[in-house]
Amino acid sequence: MPKSLEKTRKKISKKKGNITALHENSRDSQRLRRAEMRDYKLERVAAARRKNDQPLVVRAAFFQDAIRKNNGNPLELDAIQSLVHDFVHQHDEEYNALKKERRAGRPASTREDVLRMKIAADEKEYENGFYLPDLTDTNNVIFLDRWDGAWAYLSTLNWVLISRNGTTKPSKFPPKGQA
């Protein structure tokens, strides 16, 4: 949480004493307004960054659960392909239920549109190369198993791109053009 407003308020109160007795357009009140706007902007940028980073955190958590179900052992390419397929199609049931309960001739709900776009984007990514932690490397699997959900720790993992036809390419974190 940004602290520039607190620091500015403390400096002004040391200089003046009571900061409630400031004139509306005085230099000190302008300093306070600038500090408040700076804190607001930093919070807004941090919230946008967290929202942007969330899909990769969810993805890493999904594959962490898969590793834990496999007792922390590395996976073969076939098992990874089925996990990727499960991840891509994890919203299919909800999408089909929403589609089924919608009356004929009615437009799709917002949630239905979001799910359809998410499934289509994941399918396209899977065709071109699905971005995930390397689950074939023993050390990487151990690191993923120890992962506590923090964004900063994800950069210590090795990441790969796996396409539908089975080709695997090493990649870097964070991905360029995705996140």
N, C-alpha and C. Protein backbone atom coordinates (compact mmCIF):
# COMPACT_ATOMS: atom_id res chain seq x y z
N MET A 1 0.84 -1.18 0.00
CA MET A 1 0.00 0.00 0.00
C MET A 1 0.88 1.25 0.00
N PRO A 2 0.61 2.19 -0.88
CA PRO A 2 1.42 3.40 -0.96
C PRO A 2 1.32 4.23 0.31
N LYS A 3 2.43 4.86 0.66
CA LYS A 3 2.49 5.61 1.91
C LYS A 3 2.86 7.07 1.71
N SER A 4 2.86 7.56 0.49
CA SER A 4 3.32 8.93 0.28
C SER A 4 2.37 9.94 0.93
N LEU A 5 1.08 9.64 0.99
CA LEU A 5 0.14 10.55 1.63
C LEU A 5 0.43 10.65 3.12
N GLU A 6 0.70 9.51 3.75
CA GLU A 6 1.02 9.52 5.18
C GLU A 6 2.30 10.31 5.45
N LYS A 7 3.30 10.11 4.60
CA LYS A 7 4.57 10.82 4.78
C LYS A 7 4.38 12.33 4.59
N THR A 8 3.62 12.70 3.57
CA THR A 8 3.38 14.12 3.32
C THR A 8 2.60 14.74 4.47
N ARG A 9 1.59 14.04 4.94
CA ARG A 9 0.79 14.55 6.06
C ARG A 9 1.66 14.73 7.31
N LYS A 10 2.57 13.79 7.53
CA LYS A 10 3.45 13.87 8.70
C LYS A 10 4.40 15.07 8.58
N LYS A 11 4.96 15.30 7.40
CA LYS A 11 5.86 16.44 7.20
C LYS A 11 5.14 17.77 7.42
N ILE A 12 3.93 17.86 6.89
CA ILE A 12 3.18 19.11 7.02
C ILE A 12 2.79 19.33 8.48
N SER A 13 2.39 18.28 9.18
CA SER A 13 1.98 18.45 10.58
C SER A 13 3.18 18.82 11.46
N LYS A 14 4.37 18.36 11.12
CA LYS A 14 5.56 18.76 11.87
C LYS A 14 5.84 20.25 11.67
N LYS A 15 5.61 20.71 10.44
CA LYS A 15 5.89 22.10 10.11
C LYS A 15 4.83 23.04 10.69
N LYS A 16 3.55 22.67 10.51
CA LYS A 16 2.44 23.57 10.85
C LYS A 16 1.81 23.26 12.20
N GLY A 17 1.72 21.98 12.52
CA GLY A 17 0.96 21.58 13.70
C GLY A 17 -0.32 20.90 13.26
N ASN A 18 -1.45 21.59 13.38
CA ASN A 18 -2.75 21.02 13.01
C ASN A 18 -2.98 21.20 11.51
N ILE A 19 -3.13 20.08 10.77
CA ILE A 19 -3.28 20.20 9.31
C ILE A 19 -4.74 20.35 8.90
N THR A 20 -5.67 20.40 9.86
CA THR A 20 -7.07 20.63 9.49
C THR A 20 -7.32 22.11 9.23
N ALA A 21 -6.39 22.96 9.63
CA ALA A 21 -6.55 24.41 9.48
C ALA A 21 -5.81 24.93 8.26
N LEU A 22 -5.82 24.17 7.16
CA LEU A 22 -5.14 24.61 5.94
C LEU A 22 -6.12 25.35 5.05
N HIS A 23 -5.60 26.32 4.34
CA HIS A 23 -6.42 27.02 3.35
C HIS A 23 -6.65 26.09 2.16
N GLU A 24 -7.74 26.26 1.48
CA GLU A 24 -8.14 25.35 0.40
C GLU A 24 -7.10 25.22 -0.70
N ASN A 25 -6.50 26.31 -1.09
CA ASN A 25 -5.53 26.28 -2.19
C ASN A 25 -4.11 26.58 -1.73
N SER A 26 -3.81 26.33 -0.50
CA SER A 26 -2.46 26.58 -0.01
C SER A 26 -1.50 25.55 -0.59
N ARG A 27 -0.22 25.82 -0.48
CA ARG A 27 0.79 24.90 -1.00
C ARG A 27 0.70 23.54 -0.31
N ASP A 28 0.50 23.57 0.99
CA ASP A 28 0.43 22.31 1.74
C ASP A 28 -0.79 21.49 1.35
N SER A 29 -1.92 22.13 1.15
CA SER A 29 -3.10 21.36 0.74
C SER A 29 -2.93 20.81 -0.67
N GLN A 30 -2.23 21.56 -1.53
CA GLN A 30 -1.95 21.04 -2.87
C GLN A 30 -0.99 19.85 -2.80
N ARG A 31 0.00 19.92 -1.89
CA ARG A 31 0.90 18.77 -1.70
C ARG A 31 0.11 17.55 -1.24
N LEU A 32 -0.84 17.76 -0.33
CA LEU A 32 -1.66 16.65 0.15
C LEU A 32 -2.50 16.05 -0.98
N ARG A 33 -3.10 16.91 -1.80
CA ARG A 33 -3.90 16.41 -2.92
C ARG A 33 -3.05 15.62 -3.91
N ARG A 34 -1.84 16.15 -4.22
CA ARG A 34 -0.96 15.42 -5.15
C ARG A 34 -0.55 14.06 -4.57
N ALA A 35 -0.25 14.04 -3.28
CA ALA A 35 0.13 12.77 -2.64
C ALA A 35 -1.03 11.78 -2.66
N GLU A 36 -2.24 12.29 -2.41
CA GLU A 36 -3.41 11.40 -2.43
C GLU A 36 -3.66 10.84 -3.83
N MET A 37 -3.53 11.69 -4.84
CA MET A 37 -3.73 11.23 -6.22
C MET A 37 -2.63 10.24 -6.64
N ARG A 38 -1.41 10.47 -6.17
CA ARG A 38 -0.31 9.56 -6.47
C ARG A 38 -0.58 8.19 -5.85
N ASP A 39 -1.03 8.17 -4.60
CA ASP A 39 -1.38 6.90 -3.94
C ASP A 39 -2.52 6.21 -4.66
N TYR A 40 -3.53 6.97 -5.06
CA TYR A 40 -4.67 6.40 -5.77
C TYR A 40 -4.22 5.76 -7.09
N LYS A 41 -3.35 6.48 -7.81
CA LYS A 41 -2.86 5.96 -9.09
C LYS A 41 -2.06 4.67 -8.90
N LEU A 42 -1.21 4.63 -7.87
CA LEU A 42 -0.41 3.43 -7.61
C LEU A 42 -1.29 2.25 -7.24
N GLU A 43 -2.32 2.49 -6.45
CA GLU A 43 -3.25 1.41 -6.09
C GLU A 43 -3.99 0.90 -7.32
N ARG A 44 -4.40 1.82 -8.18
CA ARG A 44 -5.13 1.44 -9.39
C ARG A 44 -4.24 0.61 -10.33
N VAL A 45 -2.98 1.02 -10.47
CA VAL A 45 -2.04 0.28 -11.33
C VAL A 45 -1.77 -1.11 -10.74
N ALA A 46 -1.60 -1.18 -9.42
CA ALA A 46 -1.35 -2.47 -8.77
C ALA A 46 -2.55 -3.40 -8.92
N ALA A 47 -3.75 -2.87 -8.81
CA ALA A 47 -4.96 -3.69 -8.97
C ALA A 47 -5.07 -4.21 -10.40
N ALA A 48 -4.74 -3.37 -11.37
CA ALA A 48 -4.78 -3.80 -12.77
C ALA A 48 -3.74 -4.88 -13.03
N ARG A 49 -2.56 -4.74 -12.42
CA ARG A 49 -1.51 -5.74 -12.60
C ARG A 49 -1.93 -7.08 -11.98
N ARG A 50 -2.52 -7.03 -10.78
CA ARG A 50 -2.99 -8.27 -10.15
C ARG A 50 -4.06 -8.95 -10.99
N LYS A 51 -4.96 -8.15 -11.56
CA LYS A 51 -6.01 -8.71 -12.41
C LYS A 51 -5.42 -9.34 -13.66
N ASN A 52 -4.39 -8.71 -14.21
CA ASN A 52 -3.72 -9.22 -15.40
C ASN A 52 -2.95 -10.50 -15.11
N ASP A 53 -2.37 -10.60 -13.91
CA ASP A 53 -1.56 -11.75 -13.54
C ASP A 53 -2.40 -12.94 -13.09
N GLN A 54 -3.66 -12.72 -12.77
CA GLN A 54 -4.49 -13.76 -12.18
C GLN A 54 -4.62 -15.02 -13.06
N PRO A 55 -4.81 -14.93 -14.37
CA PRO A 55 -4.95 -16.16 -15.16
C PRO A 55 -3.73 -17.09 -15.07
N LEU A 56 -2.53 -16.53 -15.02
CA LEU A 56 -1.35 -17.38 -14.91
C LEU A 56 -1.24 -18.01 -13.53
N VAL A 57 -1.67 -17.30 -12.51
CA VAL A 57 -1.67 -17.86 -11.15
C VAL A 57 -2.66 -19.01 -11.07
N VAL A 58 -3.84 -18.83 -11.66
CA VAL A 58 -4.85 -19.89 -11.67
C VAL A 58 -4.34 -21.10 -12.45
N ARG A 59 -3.67 -20.84 -13.55
CA ARG A 59 -3.13 -21.92 -14.37
C ARG A 59 -2.07 -22.70 -13.60
N ALA A 60 -1.17 -21.99 -12.93
CA ALA A 60 -0.13 -22.66 -12.16
C ALA A 60 -0.74 -23.46 -11.01
N ALA A 61 -1.79 -22.94 -10.39
CA ALA A 61 -2.46 -23.66 -9.29
C ALA A 61 -3.12 -24.94 -9.80
N PHE A 62 -3.69 -24.90 -11.01
CA PHE A 62 -4.31 -26.08 -11.59
C PHE A 62 -3.27 -27.19 -11.79
N PHE A 63 -2.12 -26.83 -12.34
CA PHE A 63 -1.09 -27.83 -12.59
C PHE A 63 -0.38 -28.24 -11.30
N GLN A 64 -0.36 -27.37 -10.30
CA GLN A 64 0.17 -27.75 -9.00
C GLN A 64 -0.71 -28.84 -8.36
N ASP A 65 -2.03 -28.69 -8.48
CA ASP A 65 -2.94 -29.72 -7.97
C ASP A 65 -2.72 -31.05 -8.69
N ALA A 66 -2.49 -30.98 -10.00
CA ALA A 66 -2.25 -32.20 -10.77
C ALA A 66 -0.95 -32.88 -10.32
N ILE A 67 0.07 -32.09 -10.04
CA ILE A 67 1.34 -32.65 -9.56
C ILE A 67 1.14 -33.29 -8.19
N ARG A 68 0.38 -32.64 -7.34
CA ARG A 68 0.14 -33.19 -6.00
C ARG A 68 -0.66 -34.48 -6.06
N LYS A 69 -1.58 -34.58 -7.01
CA LYS A 69 -2.32 -35.83 -7.18
C LYS A 69 -1.42 -36.95 -7.69
N ASN A 70 -0.35 -36.58 -8.36
CA ASN A 70 0.62 -37.54 -8.88
C ASN A 70 1.75 -37.78 -7.88
N ASN A 71 1.57 -37.38 -6.64
CA ASN A 71 2.54 -37.56 -5.56
C ASN A 71 3.86 -36.84 -5.81
N GLY A 72 3.83 -35.73 -6.52
CA GLY A 72 5.03 -34.93 -6.74
C GLY A 72 6.00 -35.51 -7.75
N ASN A 73 5.53 -36.43 -8.60
CA ASN A 73 6.39 -37.03 -9.62
C ASN A 73 6.21 -36.32 -10.95
N PRO A 74 7.27 -36.26 -11.77
CA PRO A 74 7.14 -35.67 -13.10
C PRO A 74 6.14 -36.47 -13.96
N LEU A 75 5.57 -35.79 -14.94
CA LEU A 75 4.57 -36.41 -15.80
C LEU A 75 5.12 -36.65 -17.20
N GLU A 76 4.54 -37.63 -17.88
CA GLU A 76 4.87 -37.88 -19.28
C GLU A 76 4.08 -36.91 -20.16
N LEU A 77 4.45 -36.81 -21.43
CA LEU A 77 3.81 -35.87 -22.34
C LEU A 77 2.33 -36.19 -22.54
N ASP A 78 1.97 -37.48 -22.59
CA ASP A 78 0.57 -37.85 -22.77
C ASP A 78 -0.28 -37.37 -21.60
N ALA A 79 0.23 -37.54 -20.38
CA ALA A 79 -0.50 -37.09 -19.19
C ALA A 79 -0.62 -35.56 -19.19
N ILE A 80 0.43 -34.89 -19.63
CA ILE A 80 0.39 -33.42 -19.68
C ILE A 80 -0.64 -32.97 -20.72
N GLN A 81 -0.67 -33.65 -21.86
CA GLN A 81 -1.65 -33.31 -22.90
C GLN A 81 -3.08 -33.45 -22.37
N SER A 82 -3.34 -34.52 -21.61
CA SER A 82 -4.70 -34.70 -21.07
C SER A 82 -5.01 -33.64 -20.02
N LEU A 83 -4.00 -33.24 -19.22
CA LEU A 83 -4.22 -32.17 -18.25
C LEU A 83 -4.52 -30.84 -18.95
N VAL A 84 -3.79 -30.56 -20.01
CA VAL A 84 -4.04 -29.33 -20.76
C VAL A 84 -5.44 -29.37 -21.35
N HIS A 85 -5.85 -30.52 -21.88
CA HIS A 85 -7.20 -30.66 -22.42
C HIS A 85 -8.24 -30.42 -21.33
N ASP A 86 -7.99 -30.97 -20.14
CA ASP A 86 -8.91 -30.75 -19.02
C ASP A 86 -8.97 -29.28 -18.63
N PHE A 87 -7.81 -28.61 -18.64
CA PHE A 87 -7.78 -27.19 -18.30
C PHE A 87 -8.54 -26.36 -19.33
N VAL A 88 -8.32 -26.66 -20.60
CA VAL A 88 -8.97 -25.89 -21.66
C VAL A 88 -10.49 -26.06 -21.60
N HIS A 89 -10.93 -27.27 -21.29
CA HIS A 89 -12.37 -27.56 -21.30
C HIS A 89 -12.99 -27.60 -19.91
N GLN A 90 -12.39 -26.92 -18.93
CA GLN A 90 -12.92 -26.94 -17.58
C GLN A 90 -14.23 -26.17 -17.43
N HIS A 91 -14.52 -25.27 -18.35
CA HIS A 91 -15.75 -24.47 -18.26
C HIS A 91 -16.85 -24.99 -19.18
N ASP A 92 -16.62 -26.10 -19.85
CA ASP A 92 -17.60 -26.61 -20.80
C ASP A 92 -18.94 -26.93 -20.16
N GLU A 93 -18.93 -27.54 -18.99
CA GLU A 93 -20.19 -27.93 -18.34
C GLU A 93 -21.02 -26.70 -17.99
N GLU A 94 -20.39 -25.70 -17.42
CA GLU A 94 -21.11 -24.47 -17.07
C GLU A 94 -21.63 -23.78 -18.32
N TYR A 95 -20.81 -23.75 -19.37
CA TYR A 95 -21.22 -23.12 -20.62
C TYR A 95 -22.43 -23.85 -21.21
N ASN A 96 -22.38 -25.18 -21.24
CA ASN A 96 -23.50 -25.94 -21.78
C ASN A 96 -24.76 -25.79 -20.94
N ALA A 97 -24.61 -25.71 -19.62
CA ALA A 97 -25.77 -25.51 -18.75
C ALA A 97 -26.40 -24.14 -19.01
N LEU A 98 -25.58 -23.10 -19.15
CA LEU A 98 -26.11 -21.77 -19.45
C LEU A 98 -26.79 -21.74 -20.82
N LYS A 99 -26.19 -22.42 -21.77
CA LYS A 99 -26.75 -22.46 -23.11
C LYS A 99 -28.08 -23.21 -23.13
N LYS A 100 -28.16 -24.28 -22.33
CA LYS A 100 -29.37 -25.09 -22.30
C LYS A 100 -30.52 -24.36 -21.60
N GLU A 101 -30.26 -23.62 -20.56
CA GLU A 101 -31.33 -22.95 -19.83
C GLU A 101 -31.81 -21.67 -20.50
N ARG A 102 -31.07 -21.21 -21.50
CA ARG A 102 -31.49 -20.02 -22.24
C ARG A 102 -32.61 -20.39 -23.19
N ARG A 103 -33.63 -19.56 -23.22
CA ARG A 103 -34.76 -19.83 -24.12
C ARG A 103 -34.36 -19.58 -25.57
N ALA A 104 -35.04 -20.24 -26.45
CA ALA A 104 -34.74 -20.10 -27.88
C ALA A 104 -35.04 -18.68 -28.33
N GLY A 105 -34.17 -18.13 -29.14
CA GLY A 105 -34.36 -16.80 -29.67
C GLY A 105 -33.86 -15.69 -28.76
N ARG A 106 -33.41 -16.03 -27.57
CA ARG A 106 -32.91 -15.03 -26.64
C ARG A 106 -31.40 -14.85 -26.84
N PRO A 107 -30.89 -13.67 -26.61
CA PRO A 107 -29.44 -13.48 -26.74
C PRO A 107 -28.71 -14.17 -25.60
N ALA A 108 -27.46 -14.47 -25.83
CA ALA A 108 -26.64 -15.13 -24.82
C ALA A 108 -26.39 -14.17 -23.65
N SER A 109 -26.29 -14.75 -22.45
CA SER A 109 -26.00 -13.93 -21.27
C SER A 109 -24.53 -13.51 -21.30
N THR A 110 -24.22 -12.54 -20.48
CA THR A 110 -22.84 -12.05 -20.41
C THR A 110 -21.90 -13.15 -19.96
N ARG A 111 -22.32 -13.92 -18.97
CA ARG A 111 -21.48 -15.01 -18.46
C ARG A 111 -21.23 -16.05 -19.56
N GLU A 112 -22.26 -16.33 -20.35
CA GLU A 112 -22.13 -17.30 -21.44
C GLU A 112 -21.13 -16.79 -22.49
N ASP A 113 -21.22 -15.50 -22.80
CA ASP A 113 -20.27 -14.91 -23.76
C ASP A 113 -18.83 -14.96 -23.23
N VAL A 114 -18.66 -14.66 -21.96
CA VAL A 114 -17.33 -14.69 -21.35
C VAL A 114 -16.76 -16.10 -21.40
N LEU A 115 -17.57 -17.09 -21.05
CA LEU A 115 -17.10 -18.48 -21.07
C LEU A 115 -16.76 -18.93 -22.49
N ARG A 116 -17.59 -18.55 -23.46
CA ARG A 116 -17.34 -18.93 -24.85
C ARG A 116 -16.02 -18.33 -25.34
N MET A 117 -15.78 -17.06 -25.00
CA MET A 117 -14.53 -16.42 -25.43
C MET A 117 -13.33 -17.04 -24.72
N LYS A 118 -13.49 -17.37 -23.44
CA LYS A 118 -12.39 -17.97 -22.68
C LYS A 118 -12.03 -19.34 -23.25
N ILE A 119 -13.05 -20.15 -23.56
CA ILE A 119 -12.81 -21.48 -24.14
C ILE A 119 -12.16 -21.35 -25.51
N ALA A 120 -12.65 -20.42 -26.32
CA ALA A 120 -12.07 -20.23 -27.66
C ALA A 120 -10.61 -19.75 -27.58
N ALA A 121 -10.33 -18.85 -26.65
CA ALA A 121 -8.96 -18.36 -26.50
C ALA A 121 -8.02 -19.48 -26.04
N ASP A 122 -8.49 -20.30 -25.10
CA ASP A 122 -7.67 -21.42 -24.62
C ASP A 122 -7.44 -22.44 -25.72
N GLU A 123 -8.47 -22.71 -26.54
CA GLU A 123 -8.33 -23.63 -27.67
C GLU A 123 -7.30 -23.11 -28.66
N LYS A 124 -7.37 -21.82 -28.97
CA LYS A 124 -6.42 -21.24 -29.92
C LYS A 124 -5.00 -21.29 -29.36
N GLU A 125 -4.87 -21.01 -28.06
CA GLU A 125 -3.55 -21.07 -27.44
C GLU A 125 -3.01 -22.50 -27.46
N TYR A 126 -3.88 -23.46 -27.25
CA TYR A 126 -3.46 -24.86 -27.27
C TYR A 126 -3.00 -25.28 -28.66
N GLU A 127 -3.62 -24.76 -29.68
CA GLU A 127 -3.19 -25.05 -31.06
C GLU A 127 -1.79 -24.49 -31.31
N ASN A 128 -1.55 -23.24 -30.87
CA ASN A 128 -0.29 -22.56 -31.15
C ASN A 128 0.81 -22.92 -30.17
N GLY A 129 0.45 -23.27 -28.96
CA GLY A 129 1.41 -23.59 -27.92
C GLY A 129 0.86 -23.13 -26.58
N PHE A 130 0.51 -24.08 -25.73
CA PHE A 130 -0.10 -23.78 -24.44
C PHE A 130 1.01 -23.52 -23.42
N TYR A 131 0.91 -22.42 -22.72
CA TYR A 131 1.93 -21.96 -21.79
C TYR A 131 1.69 -22.57 -20.42
N LEU A 132 2.64 -23.35 -19.92
CA LEU A 132 2.50 -23.99 -18.61
C LEU A 132 3.86 -24.29 -18.02
N PRO A 133 3.92 -24.54 -16.70
CA PRO A 133 5.20 -24.94 -16.09
C PRO A 133 5.66 -26.28 -16.65
N ASP A 134 6.96 -26.47 -16.74
CA ASP A 134 7.51 -27.72 -17.25
C ASP A 134 7.27 -28.83 -16.22
N LEU A 135 6.39 -29.76 -16.56
CA LEU A 135 6.01 -30.83 -15.64
C LEU A 135 6.81 -32.10 -15.89
N THR A 136 7.77 -32.07 -16.80
CA THR A 136 8.60 -33.24 -17.06
C THR A 136 9.92 -33.19 -16.30
N ASP A 137 10.29 -32.02 -15.80
CA ASP A 137 11.55 -31.83 -15.09
C ASP A 137 11.34 -32.06 -13.59
N THR A 138 12.16 -32.89 -12.99
CA THR A 138 12.00 -33.25 -11.58
C THR A 138 12.15 -32.04 -10.66
N ASN A 139 13.18 -31.23 -10.88
CA ASN A 139 13.39 -30.06 -10.02
C ASN A 139 12.25 -29.06 -10.16
N ASN A 140 11.77 -28.87 -11.37
CA ASN A 140 10.67 -27.94 -11.60
C ASN A 140 9.40 -28.42 -10.92
N VAL A 141 9.17 -29.73 -10.94
CA VAL A 141 7.99 -30.30 -10.28
C VAL A 141 8.08 -30.08 -8.77
N ILE A 142 9.27 -30.23 -8.21
CA ILE A 142 9.45 -29.99 -6.77
C ILE A 142 9.18 -28.52 -6.45
N PHE A 143 9.70 -27.60 -7.27
CA PHE A 143 9.46 -26.18 -7.05
C PHE A 143 7.98 -25.84 -7.17
N LEU A 144 7.31 -26.42 -8.15
CA LEU A 144 5.88 -26.17 -8.33
C LEU A 144 5.08 -26.72 -7.15
N ASP A 145 5.50 -27.86 -6.63
CA ASP A 145 4.81 -28.45 -5.48
C ASP A 145 4.95 -27.56 -4.25
N ARG A 146 6.09 -26.89 -4.10
CA ARG A 146 6.34 -26.00 -2.96
C ARG A 146 5.74 -24.61 -3.13
N TRP A 147 5.27 -24.29 -4.32
CA TRP A 147 4.77 -22.96 -4.63
C TRP A 147 3.62 -22.59 -3.69
N ASP A 148 3.65 -21.38 -3.17
CA ASP A 148 2.67 -20.94 -2.18
C ASP A 148 1.59 -20.03 -2.75
N GLY A 149 1.56 -19.83 -4.05
CA GLY A 149 0.53 -19.01 -4.67
C GLY A 149 0.98 -17.59 -4.98
N ALA A 150 2.23 -17.26 -4.73
CA ALA A 150 2.73 -15.91 -4.96
C ALA A 150 3.20 -15.74 -6.40
N TRP A 151 2.90 -14.59 -6.96
CA TRP A 151 3.29 -14.29 -8.33
C TRP A 151 4.81 -14.25 -8.48
N ALA A 152 5.50 -13.70 -7.50
CA ALA A 152 6.95 -13.52 -7.60
C ALA A 152 7.68 -14.87 -7.68
N TYR A 153 7.13 -15.91 -7.08
CA TYR A 153 7.78 -17.22 -7.07
C TYR A 153 7.67 -17.91 -8.43
N LEU A 154 6.71 -17.53 -9.24
CA LEU A 154 6.52 -18.20 -10.54
C LEU A 154 7.71 -18.01 -11.48
N SER A 155 8.48 -16.96 -11.29
CA SER A 155 9.62 -16.73 -12.18
C SER A 155 10.75 -17.73 -11.92
N THR A 156 10.73 -18.43 -10.78
CA THR A 156 11.76 -19.43 -10.51
C THR A 156 11.48 -20.73 -11.24
N LEU A 157 10.28 -20.90 -11.75
CA LEU A 157 9.92 -22.12 -12.47
C LEU A 157 10.34 -22.04 -13.93
N ASN A 158 10.61 -23.20 -14.52
CA ASN A 158 10.83 -23.28 -15.97
C ASN A 158 9.47 -23.45 -16.63
N TRP A 159 9.25 -22.71 -17.71
CA TRP A 159 7.97 -22.74 -18.41
C TRP A 159 8.19 -23.24 -19.82
N VAL A 160 7.17 -23.90 -20.37
CA VAL A 160 7.25 -24.43 -21.73
C VAL A 160 5.96 -24.11 -22.48
N LEU A 161 6.06 -24.21 -23.80
CA LEU A 161 4.91 -24.13 -24.69
C LEU A 161 4.68 -25.52 -25.27
N ILE A 162 3.50 -26.08 -25.03
CA ILE A 162 3.16 -27.39 -25.56
C ILE A 162 1.98 -27.22 -26.51
N SER A 163 2.17 -27.65 -27.75
CA SER A 163 1.09 -27.53 -28.72
C SER A 163 0.30 -28.84 -28.78
N ARG A 164 -0.82 -28.79 -29.49
CA ARG A 164 -1.71 -29.93 -29.57
C ARG A 164 -1.03 -31.13 -30.24
N ASN A 165 -0.14 -30.87 -31.20
CA ASN A 165 0.52 -31.98 -31.90
C ASN A 165 1.68 -32.57 -31.12
N GLY A 166 1.98 -32.02 -29.92
CA GLY A 166 2.98 -32.63 -29.05
C GLY A 166 4.34 -31.98 -29.05
N THR A 167 4.51 -30.89 -29.77
CA THR A 167 5.81 -30.23 -29.76
C THR A 167 5.96 -29.39 -28.50
N THR A 168 7.15 -29.43 -27.93
CA THR A 168 7.43 -28.71 -26.70
C THR A 168 8.58 -27.74 -26.93
N LYS A 169 8.37 -26.47 -26.57
CA LYS A 169 9.41 -25.45 -26.70
C LYS A 169 9.59 -24.76 -25.35
N PRO A 170 10.83 -24.55 -24.93
CA PRO A 170 11.03 -23.81 -23.67
C PRO A 170 10.60 -22.35 -23.84
N SER A 171 10.17 -21.76 -22.75
CA SER A 171 9.70 -20.38 -22.78
C SER A 171 10.18 -19.66 -21.54
N LYS A 172 9.97 -18.36 -21.49
CA LYS A 172 10.37 -17.56 -20.34
C LYS A 172 9.14 -17.04 -19.61
N PHE A 173 9.34 -16.65 -18.37
CA PHE A 173 8.27 -16.09 -17.57
C PHE A 173 8.60 -14.65 -17.25
N PRO A 174 7.67 -13.75 -17.30
CA PRO A 174 6.30 -13.86 -17.77
C PRO A 174 6.25 -13.88 -19.29
N PRO A 175 5.19 -14.45 -19.86
CA PRO A 175 5.13 -14.55 -21.31
C PRO A 175 4.95 -13.19 -21.96
N LYS A 176 5.57 -13.02 -23.09
CA LYS A 176 5.45 -11.78 -23.83
C LYS A 176 4.19 -11.84 -24.69
N GLY A 177 3.38 -10.80 -24.62
CA GLY A 177 2.19 -10.72 -25.45
C GLY A 177 1.01 -11.50 -24.92
N GLN A 178 1.12 -12.15 -23.76
CA GLN A 178 -0.01 -12.88 -23.20
C GLN A 178 -0.53 -12.21 -21.96
N ALA A 179 0.36 -12.03 -20.99
CA ALA A 179 -0.08 -11.55 -19.68
C ALA A 179 -0.37 -10.09 -19.66
